[in-house]
Amino acid sequence: MSGQIEASEEAQAEKKGGGRKKLLILLGVPVLLVAIGAGLWFGGILPPMFGMGGTPATAESREPGPRVVTFLDMPEIVTNLNAPGRRAVYVKLRSKLELARPEDGVLVQASMPRLLDLFQTYLREVRPEELRGSAGTQRLREELVARANIAMAQSGRRDTQQIHVNDVLFVEILVQ
């Protein structure tokens, strides 16, 4: 009789193990499907299929290549800085302007006297210690970009396309 009891206990143990496998499958499959769905949703594949988030990004809908910019050489500027004492301190600056559109180069050349005046007037008020380090160079860049855009706004252009200077790139800065 004890043999029958052991056999029935083994059969029940197998049923319990089989039940656990079924439970894992019943819970695992929905969790796996939710994970796949979340990956497709956040990957940007599902929203366009449901009409959400605009049109899918295709090769035709993307912007063509990198943006086109133009670099315009500025004349070399040599001017004295605002230095205390008897000894004069000079700055020599060679730079380039980054313009948003290639056709703006001719218009910037026409405004070059105003641009040079604004740059030199600003540089004459700068103290030599303000140009030290990368932070000083960055402040100088920001100020010159602002002045370049002021000069372009004062150029008298009346149409809707305003000339915009994106950046001033330094080729050489020498303080003596």
Protein backbone atom coordinates (compact mmCIF):
# COMPACT_ATOMS: atom_id res chain seq x y z
CA MET A 1 0.00 0.00 0.00
CA SER A 2 2.80 2.36 0.70
CA GLY A 3 3.89 1.92 -2.95
CA GLN A 4 0.52 3.25 -4.13
CA ILE A 5 0.76 6.27 -1.81
CA GLU A 6 4.21 7.14 -3.11
CA ALA A 7 3.06 6.80 -6.73
CA SER A 8 0.06 9.06 -6.16
CA GLU A 9 2.26 11.65 -4.43
CA GLU A 10 4.67 11.64 -7.40
CA ALA A 11 1.76 12.10 -9.81
CA GLN A 12 0.47 15.09 -7.79
CA ALA A 13 3.98 16.60 -7.72
CA GLU A 14 4.18 16.32 -11.51
CA LYS A 15 0.78 18.00 -11.85
CA LYS A 16 1.89 20.87 -9.61
CA GLY A 17 5.09 21.33 -11.63
CA GLY A 18 3.09 21.30 -14.83
CA GLY A 19 0.73 23.90 -13.32
CA ARG A 20 3.64 26.18 -12.56
CA LYS A 21 4.86 25.90 -16.13
CA LYS A 22 1.41 26.78 -17.44
CA LEU A 23 1.23 29.74 -15.05
CA LEU A 24 4.62 31.02 -16.21
CA ILE A 25 3.59 30.74 -19.84
CA LEU A 26 0.24 32.44 -19.23
CA LEU A 27 1.96 35.36 -17.44
CA GLY A 28 5.13 35.47 -19.56
CA VAL A 29 3.48 35.76 -22.97
CA PRO A 30 1.44 38.93 -22.16
CA VAL A 31 4.46 40.54 -20.47
CA LEU A 32 6.58 39.77 -23.54
CA LEU A 33 3.93 41.21 -25.87
CA VAL A 34 3.67 44.40 -23.78
CA ALA A 35 7.47 44.79 -23.85
CA ILE A 36 7.56 44.38 -27.65
CA GLY A 37 4.70 46.85 -28.06
CA ALA A 38 6.41 49.42 -25.83
CA GLY A 39 9.62 49.03 -27.83
CA LEU A 40 7.78 49.60 -31.11
CA TRP A 41 5.86 52.56 -29.66
CA PHE A 42 8.88 54.37 -28.23
CA GLY A 43 10.95 53.41 -31.25
CA GLY A 44 8.55 55.48 -33.35
CA ILE A 45 7.18 52.64 -35.44
CA LEU A 46 3.65 52.32 -34.02
CA PRO A 47 2.52 55.98 -33.71
CA PRO A 48 2.53 56.66 -37.48
CA MET A 49 0.61 53.39 -38.02
CA PHE A 50 -2.17 54.72 -35.79
CA GLY A 51 -2.13 58.18 -37.38
CA MET A 52 -0.36 59.80 -34.43
CA GLY A 53 2.80 61.87 -34.41
CA GLY A 54 2.70 63.04 -38.02
CA THR A 55 3.94 61.17 -41.02
CA PRO A 56 6.65 58.56 -40.76
CA ALA A 57 10.14 59.84 -41.44
CA THR A 58 11.04 58.80 -44.95
CA ALA A 59 13.99 59.76 -47.06
CA GLU A 60 11.81 62.25 -48.96
CA SER A 61 10.45 64.00 -45.86
CA ARG A 62 13.83 64.62 -44.23
CA GLU A 63 15.76 67.81 -44.88
CA PRO A 64 18.36 67.36 -47.59
CA GLY A 65 21.84 67.13 -46.06
CA PRO A 66 23.51 69.60 -43.75
CA ARG A 67 22.65 73.27 -43.82
CA VAL A 68 24.68 75.43 -46.17
CA VAL A 69 26.58 78.30 -44.60
CA THR A 70 28.97 80.86 -45.99
CA PHE A 71 32.14 82.14 -44.38
CA LEU A 72 33.19 85.70 -45.08
CA ASP A 73 36.70 86.94 -44.25
CA MET A 74 36.83 90.08 -42.15
CA PRO A 75 39.67 92.53 -42.66
CA GLU A 76 42.38 92.39 -40.02
CA ILE A 77 41.69 94.71 -37.08
CA VAL A 78 44.52 96.22 -35.05
CA THR A 79 43.44 98.56 -32.27
CA ASN A 80 44.47 99.59 -28.79
CA LEU A 81 42.68 98.21 -25.74
CA ASN A 82 41.48 100.10 -22.67
CA ALA A 83 44.60 99.56 -20.57
CA PRO A 84 45.41 101.64 -17.50
CA GLY A 85 48.86 103.23 -17.26
CA ARG A 86 51.21 104.69 -19.79
CA ARG A 87 51.94 101.55 -21.78
CA ALA A 88 49.56 100.93 -24.68
CA VAL A 89 48.19 97.42 -25.20
CA TYR A 90 47.11 96.40 -28.68
CA VAL A 91 44.96 93.62 -30.06
CA LYS A 92 45.30 92.12 -33.52
CA LEU A 93 42.17 90.26 -34.62
CA ARG A 94 41.56 88.21 -37.74
CA SER A 95 38.15 86.60 -38.00
CA LYS A 96 35.50 85.15 -40.29
CA LEU A 97 31.76 85.66 -40.22
CA GLU A 98 29.43 82.69 -40.58
CA LEU A 99 26.39 83.71 -42.61
CA ALA A 100 23.14 81.77 -42.86
CA ARG A 101 22.78 82.17 -46.64
CA PRO A 102 25.40 82.40 -49.39
CA GLU A 103 23.66 85.35 -51.06
CA ASP A 104 24.11 87.49 -47.91
CA GLY A 105 27.86 87.81 -48.52
CA VAL A 106 27.47 90.68 -50.99
CA LEU A 107 25.18 92.59 -48.63
CA VAL A 108 27.55 92.12 -45.70
CA GLN A 109 30.43 93.41 -47.82
CA ALA A 110 28.38 96.53 -48.52
CA SER A 111 27.92 97.03 -44.75
CA MET A 112 31.58 96.33 -43.92
CA PRO A 113 32.49 99.93 -42.91
CA ARG A 114 29.68 99.97 -40.32
CA LEU A 115 30.67 96.50 -39.12
CA LEU A 116 34.35 97.44 -38.72
CA ASP A 117 33.39 100.60 -36.85
CA LEU A 118 31.24 98.67 -34.38
CA PHE A 119 33.94 96.05 -33.85
CA GLN A 120 36.74 98.58 -33.32
CA THR A 121 34.64 100.77 -31.03
CA TYR A 122 33.87 97.77 -28.87
CA LEU A 123 37.46 96.51 -28.83
CA ARG A 124 38.77 99.93 -27.69
CA GLU A 125 36.64 99.62 -24.53
CA VAL A 126 37.78 96.08 -23.68
CA ARG A 127 40.44 95.68 -20.99
CA PRO A 128 43.27 93.18 -21.67
CA GLU A 129 42.31 90.99 -18.70
CA GLU A 130 38.81 90.54 -20.17
CA LEU A 131 40.31 88.65 -23.13
CA ARG A 132 42.15 86.07 -21.02
CA GLY A 133 41.09 82.46 -21.18
CA SER A 134 38.40 80.67 -23.10
CA ALA A 135 35.62 82.46 -21.17
CA GLY A 136 37.01 85.82 -22.29
CA THR A 137 37.18 84.63 -25.89
CA GLN A 138 33.60 83.35 -25.71
CA ARG A 139 32.35 86.69 -24.32
CA LEU A 140 34.19 88.51 -27.11
CA ARG A 141 32.57 86.20 -29.69
CA GLU A 142 29.07 86.82 -28.28
CA GLU A 143 29.57 90.58 -28.25
CA LEU A 144 30.89 90.65 -31.82
CA VAL A 145 28.02 88.48 -33.09
CA ALA A 146 25.53 90.84 -31.42
CA ARG A 147 27.25 93.88 -32.98
CA ALA A 148 27.40 92.22 -36.39
CA ASN A 149 23.66 91.57 -36.28
CA ILE A 150 23.09 95.19 -35.20
CA ALA A 151 25.13 96.37 -38.19
CA MET A 152 23.10 94.15 -40.51
CA ALA A 153 19.82 95.45 -39.06
CA GLN A 154 21.02 99.02 -39.67
CA SER A 155 22.03 98.23 -43.25
CA GLY A 156 18.71 99.59 -44.53
CA ARG A 157 17.40 96.35 -46.01
CA ARG A 158 13.61 96.54 -46.10
CA ASP A 159 12.49 93.12 -47.30
CA THR A 160 11.38 90.27 -45.08
CA GLN A 161 14.65 88.33 -45.32
CA GLN A 162 16.88 89.89 -42.68
CA ILE A 163 20.60 89.16 -42.88
CA HIS A 164 21.71 87.11 -39.90
CA VAL A 165 25.27 86.47 -38.73
CA ASN A 166 25.38 83.04 -37.06
CA ASP A 167 28.86 83.23 -35.58
CA VAL A 168 32.21 85.00 -35.52
CA LEU A 169 35.09 82.57 -35.92
CA PHE A 170 38.52 83.69 -34.73
CA VAL A 171 41.46 82.98 -36.98
CA GLU A 172 43.95 84.95 -34.87
CA ILE A 173 43.81 86.91 -31.63
CA LEU A 174 47.03 88.53 -30.52
CA VAL A 175 47.23 90.81 -27.47
CA GLN A 176 50.49 92.79 -27.06
